[in-house]
Structures are given as structure tokens and as C-alpha cells.
Amino acid sequence: MASKSSPPINEQKEPMSSEQIQFSIWDTFKHHIPRFLITILVDLLLPLVIYFSLQKLIKPVYALLIAGTPPLIMVIIKGIISRTFDALGFLVFIAFLISAIVAVITHNPIVLLLEKSVITGILSIIFGLTLIPLRCFQQRFYIRPLAYYFYQDLVPTKRIEVGLPDSLFEDEHEMFDEQHEGELTITKLTPKQEVAQVYAWIYAHCSSFRSACYMITSIWSIGFLLEFLGRLILIVIHLKLDKIVIYGHVILTSVTIICITLTIFCIAKERKRTLRFIQQWKKTHLEI
């Protein structure tokens, strides 16, 4: 009798209807508001304040050089705190270092402004390249759109939050335990491992999620490209340095706000479709 009664107990732990699974934009992104505000302060406002405070006291090239240090310091602090290699932070550091050396040697502050355009131009290319479906290392590694990886950081989702039953991943648990036979057996996944597992399943089964990943990656690739071209045009038409600094930050802020807004819209639309798909998939394949 005990063995017959166990399945209903397991089923009660799983979400049974789409009404029980709700997606809230506010609950999803409210945790990122402090980081977003700090980024605006350090990357946009503080450099402007420092530059215009120092431009009349020292040469423009040195004012720009000092104004560019807060974002660089933030990148270093993030790397130390997280204790991980930040590829974007490394790119920012190298570009800033090279442009700073060239700017000081040539006494040309435009070089420092061009450095930011180079970074956004490179980012545009990187985002664009991930839109190409490629397989690496003898087809063992599949390159996915960068938005797929951003999802795991911005919208970390566990099984229960989308209504995926544990039974879907039981085989992976067994393989994990067998690999550690004779050692300390770990039966529970870490939160990051579970999030990665859930998104791998959703990406493989749900077309709306794959489309959203491609759409969001395209949005940021185009956004970075427009920022690169806009700042480059300001330099090419030989505007005054102060105007280039102001207009450059206006362009960067505008592009960032537009891209973030479109990203949130895509995520909200995708999540509703994904939840509906999972409910339908469960009814078809699991008879729930």
C-alpha cells in the first residue's frame, strides 16, 4: 500500500496548473535595480562630473584619463569580489590602458574617446557572431546566443518556478552519483547548476525561448553598433571635445535605455509563452 500511495505525494509537490505559476516583471528585476543604479552612477554620471570639474584645471587629455578611471576601478572590484575572470572587464582594461598610453604620448584626448567606440564595436561583433549556430570541439560544444547566458544571470529560474517535474532530470542525478562513486556523494545540485539545467531543457524544447534569445542578442548587437557609429561620427565631423563628451554619453544612455526596455519586453513576452508551452508539454507527455 505504501508503494502505491507514493506517486500522488510526489505529484502534489509539482505545480499542477498554469494559474499557480505567475511571472512578475517587478519580482524578476527588482534585485538588479541597485546594480543598475550603481552602473549609471559609475559609468555615466561620475565620469562626466569628473571631466567637467577638471577640464579647466588640467589638460583635457588628463581630465579624460582621470574621468575614465571609475568604470575601470569598478571592473577590478567586481573581478576581486566575484573571483572570476571577466572577459568584458579584461577587454575594457586593455583598451583603456592602450588608449591611455597613446593619448599621453600624442597629447590627443580624442584617442580616449575612440577607445570607447572600439569596445562597443567589438561587443557588437561578438554578439553578432553568437547568432551564427556553430559547433566547436568536434561538435561537443554548441555556441548559443549570448542572451541565453544572460538569462541565467538576470532571470535565474528553478524547476518549480516553471513547473518542471524532478522526474525529467532523474537520469542526470544518477549519472552524477555514479561519477563520484567511492567519494563523497552529492545528490543535490547547486542553485547555479539547477538554473543551467532548467535553461538547457527549455532551450532544447521551447522555440519561443530560442527565438527570444536570438531577438535579445540581435537587439544588443545592433545597439552596440549604433553607439559605435554614433560616437565615431561625432569624432569624424570634428566637434569640440566638450560636445563629443556630452553627446557621446547621451548616445550611450539612449541606446542603453532602449535596449534594456526592449529586452524586458522580450523576456516578459517569452516567459508567458514558455509557461504555456511547459503546461501543454506536461499534459501531452506526462499526462498531468
C-alpha atoms as a PDB file:
ATOM      1  CA  MET A   1       0.000   0.000   0.000  1.00  0.00           C
ATOM      2  CA  ALA A   2       2.859   2.353   0.748  1.00  0.00           C
ATOM      3  CA  SER A   3       4.330   1.996  -2.726  1.00  0.00           C
ATOM      4  CA  LYS A   4       1.000   2.784  -4.356  1.00  0.00           C
ATOM      5  CA  SER A   5       0.471   5.926  -2.344  1.00  0.00           C
ATOM      6  CA  SER A   6       3.902   7.474  -3.064  1.00  0.00           C
ATOM      7  CA  PRO A   7       3.216   8.787  -6.622  1.00  0.00           C
ATOM      8  CA  PRO A   8       0.342  11.087  -5.525  1.00  0.00           C
ATOM      9  CA  ILE A   9       2.619  12.583  -2.846  1.00  0.00           C
ATOM     10  CA  ASN A  10       5.262  13.435  -5.448  1.00  0.00           C
ATOM     11  CA  GLU A  11       2.689  14.885  -7.783  1.00  0.00           C
ATOM     12  CA  GLN A  12       1.414  17.231  -5.081  1.00  0.00           C
ATOM     13  CA  LYS A  13       4.828  18.888  -4.930  1.00  0.00           C
ATOM     14  CA  GLU A  14       4.676  19.874  -8.590  1.00  0.00           C
ATOM     15  CA  PRO A  15       2.674  22.810  -9.924  1.00  0.00           C
ATOM     16  CA  MET A  16      -0.486  21.412 -11.454  1.00  0.00           C
ATOM     17  CA  SER A  17      -1.920  24.315 -13.373  1.00  0.00           C
ATOM     18  CA  SER A  18      -0.815  27.405 -15.213  1.00  0.00           C
ATOM     19  CA  GLU A  19      -2.722  29.585 -12.727  1.00  0.00           C
ATOM     20  CA  GLN A  20      -0.301  28.597  -9.962  1.00  0.00           C
ATOM     21  CA  ILE A  21       2.725  29.742 -11.976  1.00  0.00           C
ATOM     22  CA  GLN A  22       2.921  33.509 -12.284  1.00  0.00           C
ATOM     23  CA  PHE A  23       5.620  35.656 -13.861  1.00  0.00           C
ATOM     24  CA  SER A  24       6.185  39.125 -12.433  1.00  0.00           C
ATOM     25  CA  ILE A  25       8.429  41.679 -14.114  1.00  0.00           C
ATOM     26  CA  TRP A  26       8.899  43.532 -10.821  1.00  0.00           C
ATOM     27  CA  ASP A  27       9.814  40.432  -8.787  1.00  0.00           C
ATOM     28  CA  THR A  28      12.240  39.345 -11.506  1.00  0.00           C
ATOM     29  CA  PHE A  29      14.176  42.574 -11.974  1.00  0.00           C
ATOM     30  CA  LYS A  30      13.868  44.366  -8.618  1.00  0.00           C
ATOM     31  CA  HIS A  31      17.039  42.629  -7.380  1.00  0.00           C
ATOM     32  CA  HIS A  32      19.009  44.190 -10.246  1.00  0.00           C
ATOM     33  CA  ILE A  33      17.915  47.804  -9.578  1.00  0.00           C
ATOM     34  CA  PRO A  34      20.782  48.604  -7.135  1.00  0.00           C
ATOM     35  CA  ARG A  35      23.361  47.231  -9.598  1.00  0.00           C
ATOM     36  CA  PHE A  36      21.734  49.199 -12.419  1.00  0.00           C
ATOM     37  CA  LEU A  37      21.809  52.448 -10.423  1.00  0.00           C
ATOM     38  CA  ILE A  38      25.449  51.902  -9.447  1.00  0.00           C
ATOM     39  CA  THR A  39      26.320  51.293 -13.117  1.00  0.00           C
ATOM     40  CA  ILE A  40      24.623  54.551 -14.168  1.00  0.00           C
ATOM     41  CA  LEU A  41      26.451  56.444 -11.424  1.00  0.00           C
ATOM     42  CA  VAL A  42      29.906  54.985 -12.087  1.00  0.00           C
ATOM     43  CA  ASP A  43      29.832  54.592 -15.873  1.00  0.00           C
ATOM     44  CA  LEU A  44      27.818  57.660 -16.908  1.00  0.00           C
ATOM     45  CA  LEU A  45      27.385  60.378 -14.276  1.00  0.00           C
ATOM     46  CA  LEU A  46      30.664  60.216 -12.354  1.00  0.00           C
ATOM     47  CA  PRO A  47      32.915  60.405 -15.472  1.00  0.00           C
ATOM     48  CA  LEU A  48      31.001  63.476 -16.681  1.00  0.00           C
ATOM     49  CA  VAL A  49      31.266  65.215 -13.300  1.00  0.00           C
ATOM     50  CA  ILE A  50      34.984  64.451 -13.015  1.00  0.00           C
ATOM     51  CA  TYR A  51      35.756  65.570 -16.558  1.00  0.00           C
ATOM     52  CA  PHE A  52      33.949  68.918 -16.409  1.00  0.00           C
ATOM     53  CA  SER A  53      35.363  69.566 -12.930  1.00  0.00           C
ATOM     54  CA  LEU A  54      38.941  69.041 -14.084  1.00  0.00           C
ATOM     55  CA  GLN A  55      38.928  70.302 -17.672  1.00  0.00           C
ATOM     56  CA  LYS A  56      39.657  73.908 -16.649  1.00  0.00           C
ATOM     57  CA  LEU A  57      42.317  72.900 -14.142  1.00  0.00           C
ATOM     58  CA  ILE A  58      44.377  70.453 -16.203  1.00  0.00           C
ATOM     59  CA  LYS A  59      44.827  69.460 -19.835  1.00  0.00           C
ATOM     60  CA  PRO A  60      41.788  67.770 -21.456  1.00  0.00           C
ATOM     61  CA  VAL A  61      43.747  64.571 -22.113  1.00  0.00           C
ATOM     62  CA  TYR A  62      44.479  64.162 -18.388  1.00  0.00           C
ATOM     63  CA  ALA A  63      40.924  65.140 -17.425  1.00  0.00           C
ATOM     64  CA  LEU A  64      39.556  62.436 -19.717  1.00  0.00           C
ATOM     65  CA  LEU A  65      42.116  59.986 -18.410  1.00  0.00           C
ATOM     66  CA  ILE A  66      41.074  60.547 -14.782  1.00  0.00           C
ATOM     67  CA  ALA A  67      37.369  60.556 -15.725  1.00  0.00           C
ATOM     68  CA  GLY A  68      37.782  57.114 -17.290  1.00  0.00           C
ATOM     69  CA  THR A  69      39.152  55.510 -14.129  1.00  0.00           C
ATOM     70  CA  PRO A  70      35.882  54.968 -12.119  1.00  0.00           C
ATOM     71  CA  PRO A  71      34.465  52.379 -14.574  1.00  0.00           C
ATOM     72  CA  LEU A  72      37.883  50.709 -14.680  1.00  0.00           C
ATOM     73  CA  ILE A  73      38.079  50.579 -10.872  1.00  0.00           C
ATOM     74  CA  MET A  74      34.570  49.102 -10.755  1.00  0.00           C
ATOM     75  CA  VAL A  75      35.593  46.354 -13.188  1.00  0.00           C
ATOM     76  CA  ILE A  76      38.603  45.495 -10.996  1.00  0.00           C
ATOM     77  CA  ILE A  77      36.497  45.484  -7.799  1.00  0.00           C
ATOM     78  CA  LYS A  78      33.894  43.186  -9.406  1.00  0.00           C
ATOM     79  CA  GLY A  79      36.629  40.808 -10.501  1.00  0.00           C
ATOM     80  CA  ILE A  80      38.137  40.691  -6.997  1.00  0.00           C
ATOM     81  CA  ILE A  81      34.776  40.203  -5.267  1.00  0.00           C
ATOM     82  CA  SER A  82      33.456  37.549  -7.651  1.00  0.00           C
ATOM     83  CA  ARG A  83      36.917  35.931  -8.024  1.00  0.00           C
ATOM     84  CA  THR A  84      36.150  35.111 -11.644  1.00  0.00           C
ATOM     85  CA  PHE A  85      37.717  36.129 -14.955  1.00  0.00           C
ATOM     86  CA  ASP A  86      35.603  38.855 -16.520  1.00  0.00           C
ATOM     87  CA  ALA A  87      36.245  38.824 -20.281  1.00  0.00           C
ATOM     88  CA  LEU A  88      34.427  42.138 -20.802  1.00  0.00           C
ATOM     89  CA  GLY A  89      36.294  43.715 -17.898  1.00  0.00           C
ATOM     90  CA  PHE A  90      39.600  42.487 -19.299  1.00  0.00           C
ATOM     91  CA  LEU A  91      38.701  43.988 -22.696  1.00  0.00           C
ATOM     92  CA  VAL A  92      37.834  47.329 -21.070  1.00  0.00           C
ATOM     93  CA  PHE A  93      41.086  47.308 -19.087  1.00  0.00           C
ATOM     94  CA  ILE A  94      43.316  46.536 -22.105  1.00  0.00           C
ATOM     95  CA  ALA A  95      41.557  49.077 -24.359  1.00  0.00           C
ATOM     96  CA  PHE A  96      41.773  51.774 -21.693  1.00  0.00           C
ATOM     97  CA  LEU A  97      45.437  51.019 -20.980  1.00  0.00           C
ATOM     98  CA  ILE A  98      46.470  51.151 -24.650  1.00  0.00           C
ATOM     99  CA  SER A  99      44.447  54.290 -25.394  1.00  0.00           C
ATOM    100  CA  ALA A 100      45.770  55.997 -22.247  1.00  0.00           C
ATOM    101  CA  ILE A 101      49.377  55.368 -23.261  1.00  0.00           C
ATOM    102  CA  VAL A 102      48.761  56.573 -26.829  1.00  0.00           C
ATOM    103  CA  ALA A 103      46.815  59.631 -25.625  1.00  0.00           C
ATOM    104  CA  VAL A 104      49.550  60.701 -23.197  1.00  0.00           C
ATOM    105  CA  ILE A 105      52.295  60.224 -25.795  1.00  0.00           C
ATOM    106  CA  THR A 106      50.441  62.066 -28.585  1.00  0.00           C
ATOM    107  CA  HIS A 107      48.676  64.544 -26.263  1.00  0.00           C
ATOM    108  CA  ASN A 108      45.474  63.818 -28.205  1.00  0.00           C
ATOM    109  CA  PRO A 109      42.366  63.343 -25.999  1.00  0.00           C
ATOM    110  CA  ILE A 110      40.349  62.084 -28.995  1.00  0.00           C
ATOM    111  CA  VAL A 111      42.176  58.761 -28.652  1.00  0.00           C
ATOM    112  CA  LEU A 112      40.496  58.184 -25.282  1.00  0.00           C
ATOM    113  CA  LEU A 113      37.075  58.856 -26.815  1.00  0.00           C
ATOM    114  CA  LEU A 114      37.819  56.481 -29.664  1.00  0.00           C
ATOM    115  CA  GLU A 115      38.663  53.744 -27.153  1.00  0.00           C
ATOM    116  CA  LYS A 116      35.033  53.535 -26.018  1.00  0.00           C
ATOM    117  CA  SER A 117      33.882  53.232 -29.620  1.00  0.00           C
ATOM    118  CA  VAL A 118      36.325  50.385 -30.202  1.00  0.00           C
ATOM    119  CA  ILE A 119      34.928  48.489 -27.198  1.00  0.00           C
ATOM    120  CA  THR A 120      31.295  48.822 -28.271  1.00  0.00           C
ATOM    121  CA  GLY A 121      32.270  47.935 -31.841  1.00  0.00           C
ATOM    122  CA  ILE A 122      33.973  44.743 -30.642  1.00  0.00           C
ATOM    123  CA  LEU A 123      30.974  43.881 -28.455  1.00  0.00           C
ATOM    124  CA  SER A 124      28.659  44.335 -31.432  1.00  0.00           C
ATOM    125  CA  ILE A 125      30.743  41.860 -33.435  1.00  0.00           C
ATOM    126  CA  ILE A 126      30.868  39.348 -30.545  1.00  0.00           C
ATOM    127  CA  PHE A 127      27.085  39.479 -30.044  1.00  0.00           C
ATOM    128  CA  GLY A 128      26.567  39.127 -33.783  1.00  0.00           C
ATOM    129  CA  LEU A 129      28.882  36.112 -34.061  1.00  0.00           C
ATOM    130  CA  THR A 130      26.938  34.196 -31.402  1.00  0.00           C
ATOM    131  CA  LEU A 131      23.862  34.455 -33.635  1.00  0.00           C
ATOM    132  CA  ILE A 132      25.575  32.025 -36.018  1.00  0.00           C
ATOM    133  CA  PRO A 133      24.820  28.421 -34.960  1.00  0.00           C
ATOM    134  CA  LEU A 134      28.262  26.850 -34.653  1.00  0.00           C
ATOM    135  CA  ARG A 135      29.606  23.695 -33.056  1.00  0.00           C
ATOM    136  CA  CYS A 136      33.117  23.568 -31.619  1.00  0.00           C
ATOM    137  CA  PHE A 137      35.464  20.913 -30.258  1.00  0.00           C
ATOM    138  CA  GLN A 138      34.285  18.108 -32.555  1.00  0.00           C
ATOM    139  CA  GLN A 139      30.643  19.196 -32.138  1.00  0.00           C
ATOM    140  CA  ARG A 140      30.728  18.731 -28.357  1.00  0.00           C
ATOM    141  CA  PHE A 141      30.201  22.417 -27.638  1.00  0.00           C
ATOM    142  CA  TYR A 142      27.319  24.355 -29.189  1.00  0.00           C
ATOM    143  CA  ILE A 143      27.588  28.149 -29.330  1.00  0.00           C
ATOM    144  CA  ARG A 144      24.303  29.747 -28.307  1.00  0.00           C
ATOM    145  CA  PRO A 145      23.234  33.408 -28.472  1.00  0.00           C
ATOM    146  CA  LEU A 146      24.757  35.441 -25.638  1.00  0.00           C
ATOM    147  CA  ALA A 147      21.290  36.275 -24.318  1.00  0.00           C
ATOM    148  CA  TYR A 148      20.934  32.599 -23.341  1.00  0.00           C
ATOM    149  CA  TYR A 149      23.717  33.056 -20.779  1.00  0.00           C
ATOM    150  CA  PHE A 150      22.393  36.441 -19.648  1.00  0.00           C
ATOM    151  CA  TYR A 151      19.074  34.774 -18.873  1.00  0.00           C
ATOM    152  CA  GLN A 152      20.773  32.581 -16.269  1.00  0.00           C
ATOM    153  CA  ASP A 153      22.141  35.657 -14.502  1.00  0.00           C
ATOM    154  CA  LEU A 154      19.229  38.085 -14.899  1.00  0.00           C
ATOM    155  CA  VAL A 155      16.306  35.632 -14.636  1.00  0.00           C
ATOM    156  CA  PRO A 156      17.609  32.609 -12.671  1.00  0.00           C
ATOM    157  CA  THR A 157      14.833  30.030 -12.888  1.00  0.00           C
ATOM    158  CA  LYS A 158      14.473  26.796 -10.939  1.00  0.00           C
ATOM    159  CA  ARG A 159      12.303  23.829 -11.866  1.00  0.00           C
ATOM    160  CA  ILE A 160       9.440  24.599  -9.536  1.00  0.00           C
ATOM    161  CA  GLU A 161       9.192  28.174 -10.862  1.00  0.00           C
ATOM    162  CA  VAL A 162       8.272  26.945 -14.345  1.00  0.00           C
ATOM    163  CA  GLY A 163       6.536  23.753 -13.288  1.00  0.00           C
ATOM    164  CA  LEU A 164       9.120  21.227 -14.499  1.00  0.00           C
ATOM    165  CA  PRO A 165       8.893  17.918 -12.584  1.00  0.00           C
ATOM    166  CA  ASP A 166      12.014  16.468 -10.955  1.00  0.00           C
ATOM    167  CA  SER A 167      11.467  13.225 -12.859  1.00  0.00           C
ATOM    168  CA  LEU A 168      12.748  14.900 -16.039  1.00  0.00           C
ATOM    169  CA  PHE A 169      16.236  15.179 -14.534  1.00  0.00           C
ATOM    170  CA  GLU A 170      16.478  11.940 -12.549  1.00  0.00           C
ATOM    171  CA  ASP A 171      18.804  10.325 -15.109  1.00  0.00           C
ATOM    172  CA  GLU A 172      21.245  13.236 -14.801  1.00  0.00           C
ATOM    173  CA  HIS A 173      21.250  12.825 -11.000  1.00  0.00           C
ATOM    174  CA  GLU A 174      22.087   9.113 -11.363  1.00  0.00           C
ATOM    175  CA  MET A 175      24.965   9.861 -13.723  1.00  0.00           C
ATOM    176  CA  PHE A 176      26.266  12.486 -11.297  1.00  0.00           C
ATOM    177  CA  ASP A 177      26.259   9.987  -8.415  1.00  0.00           C
ATOM    178  CA  GLU A 178      27.974   7.254 -10.448  1.00  0.00           C
ATOM    179  CA  GLN A 179      30.808   9.592 -11.394  1.00  0.00           C
ATOM    180  CA  HIS A 180      31.506  10.161  -7.694  1.00  0.00           C
ATOM    181  CA  GLU A 181      31.295   6.514  -6.617  1.00  0.00           C
ATOM    182  CA  GLY A 182      33.730   5.815  -3.805  1.00  0.00           C
ATOM    183  CA  GLU A 183      33.871   9.505  -2.913  1.00  0.00           C
ATOM    184  CA  LEU A 184      31.570  11.902  -1.124  1.00  0.00           C
ATOM    185  CA  THR A 185      28.253  11.541  -2.947  1.00  0.00           C
ATOM    186  CA  ILE A 186      26.472  14.813  -3.748  1.00  0.00           C
ATOM    187  CA  THR A 187      22.816  14.300  -4.546  1.00  0.00           C
ATOM    188  CA  LYS A 188      21.772  17.937  -4.674  1.00  0.00           C
ATOM    189  CA  LEU A 189      22.623  20.343  -7.457  1.00  0.00           C
ATOM    190  CA  THR A 190      23.840  23.821  -6.613  1.00  0.00           C
ATOM    191  CA  PRO A 191      21.411  26.641  -7.490  1.00  0.00           C
ATOM    192  CA  LYS A 192      23.544  27.656 -10.498  1.00  0.00           C
ATOM    193  CA  GLN A 193      23.676  24.060 -11.745  1.00  0.00           C
ATOM    194  CA  GLU A 194      19.917  23.718 -11.430  1.00  0.00           C
ATOM    195  CA  VAL A 195      19.332  27.001 -13.275  1.00  0.00           C
ATOM    196  CA  ALA A 196      21.681  25.912 -16.068  1.00  0.00           C
ATOM    197  CA  GLN A 197      19.913  22.546 -16.235  1.00  0.00           C
ATOM    198  CA  VAL A 198      16.469  24.138 -16.484  1.00  0.00           C
ATOM    199  CA  TYR A 199      17.514  26.573 -19.207  1.00  0.00           C
ATOM    200  CA  ALA A 200      19.223  23.810 -21.190  1.00  0.00           C
ATOM    201  CA  TRP A 201      15.943  21.868 -21.186  1.00  0.00           C
ATOM    202  CA  ILE A 202      13.856  24.924 -22.106  1.00  0.00           C
ATOM    203  CA  TYR A 203      16.244  25.882 -24.914  1.00  0.00           C
ATOM    204  CA  ALA A 204      16.096  22.359 -26.350  1.00  0.00           C
ATOM    205  CA  HIS A 205      12.288  22.080 -26.241  1.00  0.00           C
ATOM    206  CA  CYS A 206      10.768  25.569 -26.411  1.00  0.00           C
ATOM    207  CA  SER A 207      11.007  27.519 -29.683  1.00  0.00           C
ATOM    208  CA  SER A 208       9.695  30.738 -28.103  1.00  0.00           C
ATOM    209  CA  PHE A 209      12.657  30.787 -25.717  1.00  0.00           C
ATOM    210  CA  ARG A 210      15.150  30.190 -28.531  1.00  0.00           C
ATOM    211  CA  SER A 211      13.552  32.991 -30.557  1.00  0.00           C
ATOM    212  CA  ALA A 212      13.764  35.351 -27.579  1.00  0.00           C
ATOM    213  CA  CYS A 213      17.471  34.550 -27.124  1.00  0.00           C
ATOM    214  CA  TYR A 214      18.164  35.383 -30.767  1.00  0.00           C
ATOM    215  CA  MET A 215      15.998  38.503 -30.623  1.00  0.00           C
ATOM    216  CA  ILE A 216      17.618  39.923 -27.462  1.00  0.00           C
ATOM    217  CA  THR A 217      21.120  39.173 -28.735  1.00  0.00           C
ATOM    218  CA  SER A 218      20.272  40.928 -32.011  1.00  0.00           C
ATOM    219  CA  ILE A 219      18.919  43.958 -30.142  1.00  0.00           C
ATOM    220  CA  TRP A 220      22.156  44.422 -28.193  1.00  0.00           C
ATOM    221  CA  SER A 221      24.347  43.731 -31.219  1.00  0.00           C
ATOM    222  CA  ILE A 222      22.539  46.443 -33.202  1.00  0.00           C
ATOM    223  CA  GLY A 223      22.518  48.766 -30.173  1.00  0.00           C
ATOM    224  CA  PHE A 224      26.275  48.492 -29.672  1.00  0.00           C
ATOM    225  CA  LEU A 225      26.797  49.021 -33.397  1.00  0.00           C
ATOM    226  CA  LEU A 226      24.677  52.190 -33.385  1.00  0.00           C
ATOM    227  CA  GLU A 227      26.555  53.517 -30.337  1.00  0.00           C
ATOM    228  CA  PHE A 228      29.864  52.790 -32.062  1.00  0.00           C
ATOM    229  CA  LEU A 229      28.808  54.543 -35.277  1.00  0.00           C
ATOM    230  CA  GLY A 230      27.264  57.496 -33.410  1.00  0.00           C
ATOM    231  CA  ARG A 231      30.390  58.176 -31.359  1.00  0.00           C
ATOM    232  CA  LEU A 232      32.590  57.670 -34.423  1.00  0.00           C
ATOM    233  CA  ILE A 233      30.555  60.203 -36.416  1.00  0.00           C
ATOM    234  CA  LEU A 234      30.963  62.767 -33.608  1.00  0.00           C
ATOM    235  CA  ILE A 235      34.724  62.344 -33.835  1.00  0.00           C
ATOM    236  CA  VAL A 236      34.870  62.368 -37.646  1.00  0.00           C
ATOM    237  CA  ILE A 237      32.896  65.631 -38.030  1.00  0.00           C
ATOM    238  CA  HIS A 238      35.394  67.325 -35.692  1.00  0.00           C
ATOM    239  CA  LEU A 239      33.062  68.617 -32.991  1.00  0.00           C
ATOM    240  CA  LYS A 240      34.521  70.335 -29.962  1.00  0.00           C
ATOM    241  CA  LEU A 241      35.807  67.963 -27.293  1.00  0.00           C
ATOM    242  CA  ASP A 242      33.201  69.024 -24.712  1.00  0.00           C
ATOM    243  CA  LYS A 243      30.361  68.388 -27.165  1.00  0.00           C
ATOM    244  CA  ILE A 244      31.780  64.985 -28.106  1.00  0.00           C
ATOM    245  CA  VAL A 245      31.871  64.010 -24.429  1.00  0.00           C
ATOM    246  CA  ILE A 246      28.299  65.184 -23.777  1.00  0.00           C
ATOM    247  CA  TYR A 247      26.756  63.824 -26.970  1.00  0.00           C
ATOM    248  CA  GLY A 248      28.686  60.571 -26.589  1.00  0.00           C
ATOM    249  CA  HIS A 249      27.155  59.991 -23.157  1.00  0.00           C
ATOM    250  CA  VAL A 250      23.705  60.972 -24.471  1.00  0.00           C
ATOM    251  CA  ILE A 251      24.018  58.396 -27.254  1.00  0.00           C
ATOM    252  CA  LEU A 252      25.255  55.713 -24.846  1.00  0.00           C
ATOM    253  CA  THR A 253      22.469  56.416 -22.346  1.00  0.00           C
ATOM    254  CA  SER A 254      19.757  56.471 -25.016  1.00  0.00           C
ATOM    255  CA  VAL A 255      20.922  53.227 -26.640  1.00  0.00           C
ATOM    256  CA  THR A 256      21.229  51.510 -23.255  1.00  0.00           C
ATOM    257  CA  ILE A 257      17.728  52.542 -22.126  1.00  0.00           C
ATOM    258  CA  ILE A 258      16.175  51.455 -25.430  1.00  0.00           C
ATOM    259  CA  CYS A 259      17.977  48.091 -25.381  1.00  0.00           C
ATOM    260  CA  ILE A 260      17.040  47.423 -21.742  1.00  0.00           C
ATOM    261  CA  THR A 261      13.385  48.316 -22.401  1.00  0.00           C
ATOM    262  CA  LEU A 262      13.209  46.039 -25.454  1.00  0.00           C
ATOM    263  CA  THR A 263      14.960  43.267 -23.513  1.00  0.00           C
ATOM    264  CA  ILE A 264      12.456  43.419 -20.652  1.00  0.00           C
ATOM    265  CA  PHE A 265       9.575  43.386 -23.157  1.00  0.00           C
ATOM    266  CA  CYS A 266      11.024  40.315 -24.914  1.00  0.00           C
ATOM    267  CA  ILE A 267      11.607  38.482 -21.622  1.00  0.00           C
ATOM    268  CA  ALA A 268       8.066  39.189 -20.395  1.00  0.00           C
ATOM    269  CA  LYS A 269       6.523  38.000 -23.656  1.00  0.00           C
ATOM    270  CA  GLU A 270       8.779  34.940 -23.851  1.00  0.00           C
ATOM    271  CA  ARG A 271       8.154  33.863 -20.257  1.00  0.00           C
ATOM    272  CA  LYS A 272       4.378  33.820 -20.700  1.00  0.00           C
ATOM    273  CA  ARG A 273       4.698  31.715 -23.852  1.00  0.00           C
ATOM    274  CA  THR A 274       7.219  29.387 -22.210  1.00  0.00           C
ATOM    275  CA  LEU A 275       4.975  28.764 -19.208  1.00  0.00           C
ATOM    276  CA  ARG A 276       2.060  27.938 -21.510  1.00  0.00           C
ATOM    277  CA  PHE A 277       4.281  25.613 -23.549  1.00  0.00           C
ATOM    278  CA  ILE A 278       5.503  23.743 -20.450  1.00  0.00           C
ATOM    279  CA  GLN A 279       1.941  23.220 -19.211  1.00  0.00           C
ATOM    280  CA  GLN A 280       0.919  21.855 -22.593  1.00  0.00           C
ATOM    281  CA  TRP A 281       4.031  19.679 -22.774  1.00  0.00           C
ATOM    282  CA  LYS A 282       3.301  18.187 -19.361  1.00  0.00           C
ATOM    283  CA  LYS A 283      -0.265  17.360 -20.372  1.00  0.00           C
ATOM    284  CA  THR A 284       0.926  15.688 -23.566  1.00  0.00           C
ATOM    285  CA  HIS A 285       3.979  13.788 -22.337  1.00  0.00           C
ATOM    286  CA  LEU A 286       3.422  13.283 -18.616  1.00  0.00           C
ATOM    287  CA  GLU A 287      -0.393  13.118 -18.568  1.00  0.00           C
ATOM    288  CA  ILE A 288      -0.544  15.761 -15.863  1.00  0.00           C
END
